[in-house]
Amino acid sequence: MKFGQQENIRVKQQIVDGFFEQLKEQPFSEIRVAQLIKSAGVARVSYYRNFDSIEDILTFYLTCLVTQHHEQEKKSPIPHNRTRETMKMRFTTAFVAFKNQEERFMLLIDRGLSSHIYEFFVDFGEIIKAKHPEKKNHFTYKHIFVFGASFHVMMAWLQNGAKESPEEMADFLVNTLPDSFFDNQKSVKE
């Protein structure tokens, strides 16, 4: 990575940090660029070079989390089949990722921004679908159901203090899913 790119990422991270500092002090709708750049310790031009709006900061933050999560998955790849074991592994890594960002996620939730988080992940799923048209049938109502349910369980888990381990929560989700969700399982339609 070139120095200029590293510097740009560092500045963006400073802006993200400034965003969360401001969010601790006031509602999302009241955050102003002048306050934000002061908290971030960056020049106004640096903000406008990197972001068009305060919402873009939240999108950048979430995009970085997803990117980091995918990089972690590459290091210990989980098979793409849908067995109870592989789904438990996927859910566990997702709960660990959310737990690692618990303080920031709780701040976003407390400030009424959980719908922004949810919309980001829905939009991200749409981007993945568009990039992989050969997997059109892969994104079914089952996947939508699992995504929505798991997201809301993760949010509730954080709000309840994340007392259970990521593994316990992954077990809960996997054991809640019907057999028909998993590969090589017959669904009961009658």
C-alpha atoms as a PDB file:
ATOM      1  CA  MET A   1       0.000   0.000   0.000  1.00  0.00           C
ATOM      2  CA  LYS A   2       1.351   3.406  -0.961  1.00  0.00           C
ATOM      3  CA  PHE A   3       2.008   6.092   1.638  1.00  0.00           C
ATOM      4  CA  GLY A   4      -0.772   8.336   0.268  1.00  0.00           C
ATOM      5  CA  GLN A   5      -3.303   5.514   0.573  1.00  0.00           C
ATOM      6  CA  GLN A   6      -2.171   4.722   4.117  1.00  0.00           C
ATOM      7  CA  GLU A   7      -2.460   8.380   5.053  1.00  0.00           C
ATOM      8  CA  ASN A   8      -5.939   8.598   3.536  1.00  0.00           C
ATOM      9  CA  ILE A   9      -7.080   5.547   5.506  1.00  0.00           C
ATOM     10  CA  ARG A  10      -5.586   7.026   8.692  1.00  0.00           C
ATOM     11  CA  VAL A  11      -7.471  10.297   8.119  1.00  0.00           C
ATOM     12  CA  LYS A  12     -10.728   8.402   7.469  1.00  0.00           C
ATOM     13  CA  GLN A  13     -10.230   6.444  10.696  1.00  0.00           C
ATOM     14  CA  GLN A  14      -9.649   9.701  12.587  1.00  0.00           C
ATOM     15  CA  ILE A  15     -12.916  11.006  11.168  1.00  0.00           C
ATOM     16  CA  VAL A  16     -14.701   7.796  12.219  1.00  0.00           C
ATOM     17  CA  ASP A  17     -13.255   8.189  15.724  1.00  0.00           C
ATOM     18  CA  GLY A  18     -14.387  11.835  15.779  1.00  0.00           C
ATOM     19  CA  PHE A  19     -17.848  10.752  14.630  1.00  0.00           C
ATOM     20  CA  PHE A  20     -18.174   8.339  17.553  1.00  0.00           C
ATOM     21  CA  GLU A  21     -16.875  10.982  19.987  1.00  0.00           C
ATOM     22  CA  GLN A  22     -19.563  13.372  18.759  1.00  0.00           C
ATOM     23  CA  LEU A  23     -22.205  10.630  18.883  1.00  0.00           C
ATOM     24  CA  LYS A  24     -21.422  10.156  22.593  1.00  0.00           C
ATOM     25  CA  GLU A  25     -22.270  13.803  23.179  1.00  0.00           C
ATOM     26  CA  GLN A  26     -25.274  14.404  20.942  1.00  0.00           C
ATOM     27  CA  PRO A  27     -27.868  12.798  18.687  1.00  0.00           C
ATOM     28  CA  PHE A  28     -26.847  11.810  15.169  1.00  0.00           C
ATOM     29  CA  SER A  29     -29.031  14.513  13.595  1.00  0.00           C
ATOM     30  CA  GLU A  30     -27.224  17.221  15.573  1.00  0.00           C
ATOM     31  CA  ILE A  31     -23.661  16.320  14.579  1.00  0.00           C
ATOM     32  CA  ARG A  32     -22.130  19.127  12.547  1.00  0.00           C
ATOM     33  CA  VAL A  33     -19.037  19.015  10.361  1.00  0.00           C
ATOM     34  CA  ALA A  34     -17.303  21.791  12.345  1.00  0.00           C
ATOM     35  CA  GLN A  35     -17.625  19.815  15.591  1.00  0.00           C
ATOM     36  CA  LEU A  36     -16.707  16.568  13.884  1.00  0.00           C
ATOM     37  CA  ILE A  37     -13.455  17.798  12.339  1.00  0.00           C
ATOM     38  CA  LYS A  38     -12.456  19.330  15.645  1.00  0.00           C
ATOM     39  CA  SER A  39     -13.028  15.994  17.434  1.00  0.00           C
ATOM     40  CA  ALA A  40     -11.234  14.135  14.650  1.00  0.00           C
ATOM     41  CA  GLY A  41      -8.302  16.552  14.543  1.00  0.00           C
ATOM     42  CA  VAL A  42      -8.466  16.905  10.760  1.00  0.00           C
ATOM     43  CA  ALA A  43      -8.883  19.809   8.373  1.00  0.00           C
ATOM     44  CA  ARG A  44     -12.247  20.566   6.786  1.00  0.00           C
ATOM     45  CA  VAL A  45     -10.779  19.781   3.361  1.00  0.00           C
ATOM     46  CA  SER A  46      -9.820  16.299   4.618  1.00  0.00           C
ATOM     47  CA  TYR A  47     -13.410  15.648   5.630  1.00  0.00           C
ATOM     48  CA  TYR A  48     -14.838  16.779   2.282  1.00  0.00           C
ATOM     49  CA  ARG A  49     -12.166  14.912   0.325  1.00  0.00           C
ATOM     50  CA  ASN A  50     -13.327  11.676   1.948  1.00  0.00           C
ATOM     51  CA  PHE A  51     -17.016  12.033   2.774  1.00  0.00           C
ATOM     52  CA  ASP A  52     -20.067  13.701   1.288  1.00  0.00           C
ATOM     53  CA  SER A  53     -22.196  13.386   4.419  1.00  0.00           C
ATOM     54  CA  ILE A  54     -22.185  12.271   8.032  1.00  0.00           C
ATOM     55  CA  GLU A  55     -24.085   9.131   6.896  1.00  0.00           C
ATOM     56  CA  ASP A  56     -21.100   8.271   4.668  1.00  0.00           C
ATOM     57  CA  ILE A  57     -18.940   7.981   7.782  1.00  0.00           C
ATOM     58  CA  LEU A  58     -21.228   5.322   9.213  1.00  0.00           C
ATOM     59  CA  THR A  59     -21.225   3.484   5.871  1.00  0.00           C
ATOM     60  CA  PHE A  60     -17.411   3.612   5.747  1.00  0.00           C
ATOM     61  CA  TYR A  61     -17.163   2.285   9.311  1.00  0.00           C
ATOM     62  CA  LEU A  62     -19.503  -0.643   8.550  1.00  0.00           C
ATOM     63  CA  THR A  63     -17.740  -1.356   5.247  1.00  0.00           C
ATOM     64  CA  CYS A  64     -14.416  -1.582   7.103  1.00  0.00           C
ATOM     65  CA  LEU A  65     -15.938  -4.055   9.563  1.00  0.00           C
ATOM     66  CA  VAL A  66     -17.263  -6.251   6.749  1.00  0.00           C
ATOM     67  CA  THR A  67     -13.906  -6.098   4.965  1.00  0.00           C
ATOM     68  CA  GLN A  68     -12.043  -7.079   8.142  1.00  0.00           C
ATOM     69  CA  HIS A  69     -14.527  -9.912   8.725  1.00  0.00           C
ATOM     70  CA  HIS A  70     -13.986 -11.257   5.207  1.00  0.00           C
ATOM     71  CA  GLU A  71     -10.208 -11.016   5.624  1.00  0.00           C
ATOM     72  CA  GLN A  72     -10.490 -13.069   8.823  1.00  0.00           C
ATOM     73  CA  GLU A  73     -12.633 -15.647   7.033  1.00  0.00           C
ATOM     74  CA  LYS A  74      -9.972 -15.986   4.316  1.00  0.00           C
ATOM     75  CA  LYS A  75      -7.425 -16.947   6.974  1.00  0.00           C
ATOM     76  CA  SER A  76      -9.590 -19.798   8.211  1.00  0.00           C
ATOM     77  CA  PRO A  77     -12.064 -20.440   5.419  1.00  0.00           C
ATOM     78  CA  ILE A  78     -15.421 -21.901   6.290  1.00  0.00           C
ATOM     79  CA  PRO A  79     -16.885 -24.270   3.691  1.00  0.00           C
ATOM     80  CA  HIS A  80     -19.751 -22.772   1.693  1.00  0.00           C
ATOM     81  CA  ASN A  81     -22.159 -25.620   2.328  1.00  0.00           C
ATOM     82  CA  ARG A  82     -25.001 -25.148   4.787  1.00  0.00           C
ATOM     83  CA  THR A  83     -24.584 -27.701   7.518  1.00  0.00           C
ATOM     84  CA  ARG A  84     -25.278 -27.064  11.162  1.00  0.00           C
ATOM     85  CA  GLU A  85     -21.530 -27.090  11.794  1.00  0.00           C
ATOM     86  CA  THR A  86     -20.630 -24.569   9.059  1.00  0.00           C
ATOM     87  CA  MET A  87     -23.530 -22.299   9.993  1.00  0.00           C
ATOM     88  CA  LYS A  88     -22.452 -22.378  13.639  1.00  0.00           C
ATOM     89  CA  MET A  89     -18.953 -21.357  12.546  1.00  0.00           C
ATOM     90  CA  ARG A  90     -20.343 -18.464  10.448  1.00  0.00           C
ATOM     91  CA  PHE A  91     -22.650 -17.280  13.210  1.00  0.00           C
ATOM     92  CA  THR A  92     -19.869 -17.508  15.783  1.00  0.00           C
ATOM     93  CA  THR A  93     -17.527 -15.328  13.713  1.00  0.00           C
ATOM     94  CA  ALA A  94     -20.334 -12.800  13.216  1.00  0.00           C
ATOM     95  CA  PHE A  95     -21.088 -12.658  16.956  1.00  0.00           C
ATOM     96  CA  VAL A  96     -17.358 -12.248  17.690  1.00  0.00           C
ATOM     97  CA  ALA A  97     -17.183  -9.354  15.189  1.00  0.00           C
ATOM     98  CA  PHE A  98     -20.179  -7.630  16.784  1.00  0.00           C
ATOM     99  CA  LYS A  99     -18.795  -8.264  20.286  1.00  0.00           C
ATOM    100  CA  ASN A 100     -15.457  -6.710  19.302  1.00  0.00           C
ATOM    101  CA  GLN A 101     -17.337  -3.539  18.378  1.00  0.00           C
ATOM    102  CA  GLU A 102     -19.845  -3.734  21.239  1.00  0.00           C
ATOM    103  CA  GLU A 103     -19.248  -0.221  22.580  1.00  0.00           C
ATOM    104  CA  ARG A 104     -19.717   1.405  19.192  1.00  0.00           C
ATOM    105  CA  PHE A 105     -22.702  -0.747  18.245  1.00  0.00           C
ATOM    106  CA  MET A 106     -24.365   0.054  21.569  1.00  0.00           C
ATOM    107  CA  LEU A 107     -23.823   3.743  20.934  1.00  0.00           C
ATOM    108  CA  LEU A 108     -25.393   3.402  17.476  1.00  0.00           C
ATOM    109  CA  ILE A 109     -28.333   1.460  18.922  1.00  0.00           C
ATOM    110  CA  ASP A 110     -28.811   3.927  21.796  1.00  0.00           C
ATOM    111  CA  ARG A 111     -28.854   6.782  19.289  1.00  0.00           C
ATOM    112  CA  GLY A 112     -31.577   5.073  17.249  1.00  0.00           C
ATOM    113  CA  LEU A 113     -29.337   4.021  14.361  1.00  0.00           C
ATOM    114  CA  SER A 114     -29.943   0.260  14.318  1.00  0.00           C
ATOM    115  CA  SER A 115     -32.108   0.688  11.209  1.00  0.00           C
ATOM    116  CA  HIS A 116     -29.113   2.310   9.449  1.00  0.00           C
ATOM    117  CA  ILE A 117     -27.005  -0.716  10.347  1.00  0.00           C
ATOM    118  CA  TYR A 118     -29.692  -3.100   9.118  1.00  0.00           C
ATOM    119  CA  GLU A 119     -30.134  -1.173   5.854  1.00  0.00           C
ATOM    120  CA  PHE A 120     -26.370  -1.229   5.288  1.00  0.00           C
ATOM    121  CA  PHE A 121     -26.290  -5.013   5.555  1.00  0.00           C
ATOM    122  CA  VAL A 122     -29.359  -5.388   3.324  1.00  0.00           C
ATOM    123  CA  ASP A 123     -27.742  -3.140   0.707  1.00  0.00           C
ATOM    124  CA  PHE A 124     -24.495  -5.051   1.056  1.00  0.00           C
ATOM    125  CA  GLY A 125     -26.378  -8.285   0.370  1.00  0.00           C
ATOM    126  CA  GLU A 126     -27.853  -6.728  -2.767  1.00  0.00           C
ATOM    127  CA  ILE A 127     -24.364  -5.788  -3.970  1.00  0.00           C
ATOM    128  CA  ILE A 128     -23.180  -9.355  -3.449  1.00  0.00           C
ATOM    129  CA  LYS A 129     -26.225 -10.678  -5.343  1.00  0.00           C
ATOM    130  CA  ALA A 130     -25.497  -8.340  -8.249  1.00  0.00           C
ATOM    131  CA  LYS A 131     -21.847  -9.451  -8.382  1.00  0.00           C
ATOM    132  CA  HIS A 132     -22.838 -13.138  -8.413  1.00  0.00           C
ATOM    133  CA  PRO A 133     -25.826 -13.557 -10.761  1.00  0.00           C
ATOM    134  CA  GLU A 134     -24.993 -17.266 -11.054  1.00  0.00           C
ATOM    135  CA  LYS A 135     -26.083 -17.603  -7.415  1.00  0.00           C
ATOM    136  CA  LYS A 136     -29.512 -16.065  -8.013  1.00  0.00           C
ATOM    137  CA  ASN A 137     -31.267 -19.035  -6.428  1.00  0.00           C
ATOM    138  CA  HIS A 138     -28.847 -18.910  -3.517  1.00  0.00           C
ATOM    139  CA  PHE A 139     -30.619 -15.835  -2.121  1.00  0.00           C
ATOM    140  CA  THR A 140     -34.007 -17.203  -1.159  1.00  0.00           C
ATOM    141  CA  TYR A 141     -36.617 -16.337   1.419  1.00  0.00           C
ATOM    142  CA  LYS A 142     -34.774 -18.715   3.737  1.00  0.00           C
ATOM    143  CA  HIS A 143     -31.668 -16.543   3.495  1.00  0.00           C
ATOM    144  CA  ILE A 144     -33.656 -13.372   4.017  1.00  0.00           C
ATOM    145  CA  PHE A 145     -35.311 -14.930   7.055  1.00  0.00           C
ATOM    146  CA  VAL A 146     -32.000 -16.090   8.544  1.00  0.00           C
ATOM    147  CA  PHE A 147     -30.339 -12.746   7.891  1.00  0.00           C
ATOM    148  CA  GLY A 148     -33.152 -10.747   9.496  1.00  0.00           C
ATOM    149  CA  ALA A 149     -33.508 -13.074  12.461  1.00  0.00           C
ATOM    150  CA  SER A 150     -29.773 -13.316  13.132  1.00  0.00           C
ATOM    151  CA  PHE A 151     -29.307  -9.550  12.841  1.00  0.00           C
ATOM    152  CA  HIS A 152     -32.074  -8.822  15.340  1.00  0.00           C
ATOM    153  CA  VAL A 153     -30.843 -11.522  17.720  1.00  0.00           C
ATOM    154  CA  MET A 154     -27.356  -9.964  17.584  1.00  0.00           C
ATOM    155  CA  MET A 155     -28.745  -6.513  18.349  1.00  0.00           C
ATOM    156  CA  ALA A 156     -30.827  -7.862  21.258  1.00  0.00           C
ATOM    157  CA  TRP A 157     -27.792  -9.789  22.530  1.00  0.00           C
ATOM    158  CA  LEU A 158     -25.721  -6.597  22.607  1.00  0.00           C
ATOM    159  CA  GLN A 159     -28.529  -4.663  24.275  1.00  0.00           C
ATOM    160  CA  ASN A 160     -28.760  -7.351  26.953  1.00  0.00           C
ATOM    161  CA  GLY A 161     -25.061  -6.993  27.735  1.00  0.00           C
ATOM    162  CA  ALA A 162     -23.723  -9.823  25.525  1.00  0.00           C
ATOM    163  CA  LYS A 163     -23.709 -12.123  28.556  1.00  0.00           C
ATOM    164  CA  GLU A 164     -23.752 -15.333  26.527  1.00  0.00           C
ATOM    165  CA  SER A 165     -20.675 -16.318  24.561  1.00  0.00           C
ATOM    166  CA  PRO A 166     -20.635 -15.994  20.759  1.00  0.00           C
ATOM    167  CA  GLU A 167     -20.595 -19.810  20.617  1.00  0.00           C
ATOM    168  CA  GLU A 168     -23.704 -20.062  22.810  1.00  0.00           C
ATOM    169  CA  MET A 169     -25.516 -17.546  20.615  1.00  0.00           C
ATOM    170  CA  ALA A 170     -24.443 -19.372  17.457  1.00  0.00           C
ATOM    171  CA  ASP A 171     -25.775 -22.611  18.967  1.00  0.00           C
ATOM    172  CA  PHE A 172     -29.060 -20.880  19.732  1.00  0.00           C
ATOM    173  CA  LEU A 173     -29.463 -19.662  16.153  1.00  0.00           C
ATOM    174  CA  VAL A 174     -28.443 -22.955  14.550  1.00  0.00           C
ATOM    175  CA  ASN A 175     -30.775 -24.921  16.815  1.00  0.00           C
ATOM    176  CA  THR A 176     -33.614 -22.518  16.011  1.00  0.00           C
ATOM    177  CA  LEU A 177     -33.327 -23.046  12.251  1.00  0.00           C
ATOM    178  CA  PRO A 178     -35.511 -25.735  10.690  1.00  0.00           C
ATOM    179  CA  ASP A 179     -33.852 -28.813   9.176  1.00  0.00           C
ATOM    180  CA  SER A 180     -35.061 -27.684   5.743  1.00  0.00           C
ATOM    181  CA  PHE A 181     -32.629 -24.770   5.833  1.00  0.00           C
ATOM    182  CA  PHE A 182     -29.595 -27.025   5.772  1.00  0.00           C
ATOM    183  CA  ASP A 183     -28.127 -28.823   2.766  1.00  0.00           C
ATOM    184  CA  ASN A 184     -29.216 -32.414   2.194  1.00  0.00           C
ATOM    185  CA  GLN A 185     -32.242 -32.038   4.440  1.00  0.00           C
ATOM    186  CA  LYS A 186     -35.728 -32.714   3.177  1.00  0.00           C
ATOM    187  CA  SER A 187     -38.225 -29.988   3.871  1.00  0.00           C
ATOM    188  CA  VAL A 188     -41.627 -30.768   5.249  1.00  0.00           C
ATOM    189  CA  LYS A 189     -44.142 -29.045   2.980  1.00  0.00           C
ATOM    190  CA  GLU A 190     -47.371 -30.645   4.156  1.00  0.00           C
END
